[in-house]
C-alpha atoms as a PDB file:
ATOM      1  CA  MET A   1     -19.203 -37.978 -70.478  1.00  0.00           C
ATOM      2  CA  LYS A   2     -15.865 -37.135 -72.030  1.00  0.00           C
ATOM      3  CA  THR A   3     -12.829 -35.624 -70.364  1.00  0.00           C
ATOM      4  CA  GLY A   4     -10.157 -33.241 -71.542  1.00  0.00           C
ATOM      5  CA  ILE A   5      -7.896 -30.294 -70.793  1.00  0.00           C
ATOM      6  CA  VAL A   6      -8.756 -26.644 -71.454  1.00  0.00           C
ATOM      7  CA  LYS A   7      -6.495 -25.630 -74.323  1.00  0.00           C
ATOM      8  CA  PHE A   8      -7.652 -22.008 -74.538  1.00  0.00           C
ATOM      9  CA  TYR A   9     -10.393 -19.847 -73.048  1.00  0.00           C
ATOM     10  CA  SER A  10     -10.991 -16.115 -73.586  1.00  0.00           C
ATOM     11  CA  LEU A  11     -13.301 -14.376 -71.140  1.00  0.00           C
ATOM     12  CA  ASP A  12     -13.347 -11.348 -73.462  1.00  0.00           C
ATOM     13  CA  ASN A  13     -14.420 -13.389 -76.510  1.00  0.00           C
ATOM     14  CA  LYS A  14     -16.656 -15.716 -74.437  1.00  0.00           C
ATOM     15  CA  TYR A  15     -15.387 -18.969 -75.928  1.00  0.00           C
ATOM     16  CA  GLY A  16     -12.579 -21.482 -75.839  1.00  0.00           C
ATOM     17  CA  PHE A  17     -11.477 -24.975 -76.785  1.00  0.00           C
ATOM     18  CA  ILE A  18     -11.032 -28.248 -74.936  1.00  0.00           C
ATOM     19  CA  LYS A  19      -8.426 -30.821 -76.013  1.00  0.00           C
ATOM     20  CA  PRO A  20     -10.088 -34.231 -75.504  1.00  0.00           C
ATOM     21  CA  ASP A  21      -8.148 -36.937 -73.658  1.00  0.00           C
ATOM     22  CA  ASP A  22      -8.777 -39.327 -76.566  1.00  0.00           C
ATOM     23  CA  ASP A  23      -6.790 -37.017 -78.920  1.00  0.00           C
ATOM     24  CA  SER A  24      -9.828 -36.373 -81.112  1.00  0.00           C
ATOM     25  CA  LYS A  25     -10.522 -32.932 -82.623  1.00  0.00           C
ATOM     26  CA  ASP A  26     -10.574 -29.967 -80.200  1.00  0.00           C
ATOM     27  CA  VAL A  27     -14.050 -29.142 -78.870  1.00  0.00           C
ATOM     28  CA  PHE A  28     -15.525 -25.625 -78.910  1.00  0.00           C
ATOM     29  CA  VAL A  29     -17.009 -24.344 -75.643  1.00  0.00           C
ATOM     30  CA  HIS A  30     -19.053 -21.144 -75.305  1.00  0.00           C
ATOM     31  CA  GLN A  31     -19.661 -19.070 -72.181  1.00  0.00           C
ATOM     32  CA  ASN A  32     -23.435 -19.665 -72.457  1.00  0.00           C
ATOM     33  CA  GLU A  33     -22.888 -23.409 -71.952  1.00  0.00           C
ATOM     34  CA  LEU A  34     -20.569 -22.741 -69.017  1.00  0.00           C
ATOM     35  CA  LYS A  35     -23.154 -20.504 -67.328  1.00  0.00           C
ATOM     36  CA  LYS A  36     -25.729 -23.316 -67.617  1.00  0.00           C
ATOM     37  CA  SER A  37     -23.263 -25.419 -65.593  1.00  0.00           C
ATOM     38  CA  GLY A  38     -22.675 -22.639 -63.048  1.00  0.00           C
ATOM     39  CA  ILE A  39     -19.140 -21.881 -64.294  1.00  0.00           C
ATOM     40  CA  GLU A  40     -17.993 -18.305 -64.928  1.00  0.00           C
ATOM     41  CA  GLU A  41     -14.757 -19.075 -66.783  1.00  0.00           C
ATOM     42  CA  LEU A  42     -12.214 -21.767 -67.572  1.00  0.00           C
ATOM     43  CA  LYS A  43      -8.469 -21.578 -67.135  1.00  0.00           C
ATOM     44  CA  LYS A  44      -5.843 -23.052 -69.425  1.00  0.00           C
ATOM     45  CA  ASN A  45      -4.813 -26.616 -68.467  1.00  0.00           C
ATOM     46  CA  GLN A  46      -7.852 -27.240 -66.223  1.00  0.00           C
ATOM     47  CA  LYS A  47      -9.138 -30.810 -66.349  1.00  0.00           C
ATOM     48  CA  VAL A  48     -12.832 -30.897 -67.316  1.00  0.00           C
ATOM     49  CA  GLU A  49     -15.622 -33.347 -67.988  1.00  0.00           C
ATOM     50  CA  TYR A  50     -18.260 -32.537 -70.609  1.00  0.00           C
ATOM     51  CA  GLU A  51     -20.916 -33.836 -72.963  1.00  0.00           C
ATOM     52  CA  LEU A  52     -20.238 -33.649 -76.685  1.00  0.00           C
ATOM     53  CA  ASN A  53     -23.111 -32.121 -78.689  1.00  0.00           C
ATOM     54  CA  ILE A  54     -23.600 -31.884 -82.425  1.00  0.00           C
ATOM     55  CA  LYS A  55     -26.039 -29.452 -84.071  1.00  0.00           C
ATOM     56  CA  GLY A  56     -25.823 -29.523 -87.843  1.00  0.00           C
ATOM     57  CA  GLN A  57     -22.133 -29.259 -88.613  1.00  0.00           C
ATOM     58  CA  LYS A  58     -21.232 -27.642 -85.278  1.00  0.00           C
ATOM     59  CA  THR A  59     -19.746 -29.638 -82.409  1.00  0.00           C
ATOM     60  CA  PHE A  60     -19.586 -28.123 -78.919  1.00  0.00           C
ATOM     61  CA  ALA A  61     -19.250 -28.976 -75.236  1.00  0.00           C
ATOM     62  CA  SER A  62     -22.087 -28.714 -72.729  1.00  0.00           C
ATOM     63  CA  ASN A  63     -22.693 -29.805 -69.107  1.00  0.00           C
ATOM     64  CA  VAL A  64     -19.098 -28.876 -68.348  1.00  0.00           C
ATOM     65  CA  LYS A  65     -17.671 -29.774 -64.924  1.00  0.00           C
ATOM     66  CA  ILE A  66     -14.247 -28.796 -63.602  1.00  0.00           C
ATOM     67  CA  LEU A  67     -12.415 -31.856 -62.260  1.00  0.00           C
ATOM     68  CA  ASP A  68      -9.342 -30.304 -60.615  1.00  0.00           C
END
């Protein structure tokens, strides 16, 4: 599991980005993945834990957990 801080999340657009703690490239997160984890929305600057997934050329977060 990786950790990071929510950089941006739009409830209207149903997606956002997580800034990883290891300073790697920002990770896309979609509302569908959050719902699978029982989360309705993320707030800017929340600390989260997540799994990094790669499908083709797309990288995204799944199994997201809020840590703070």
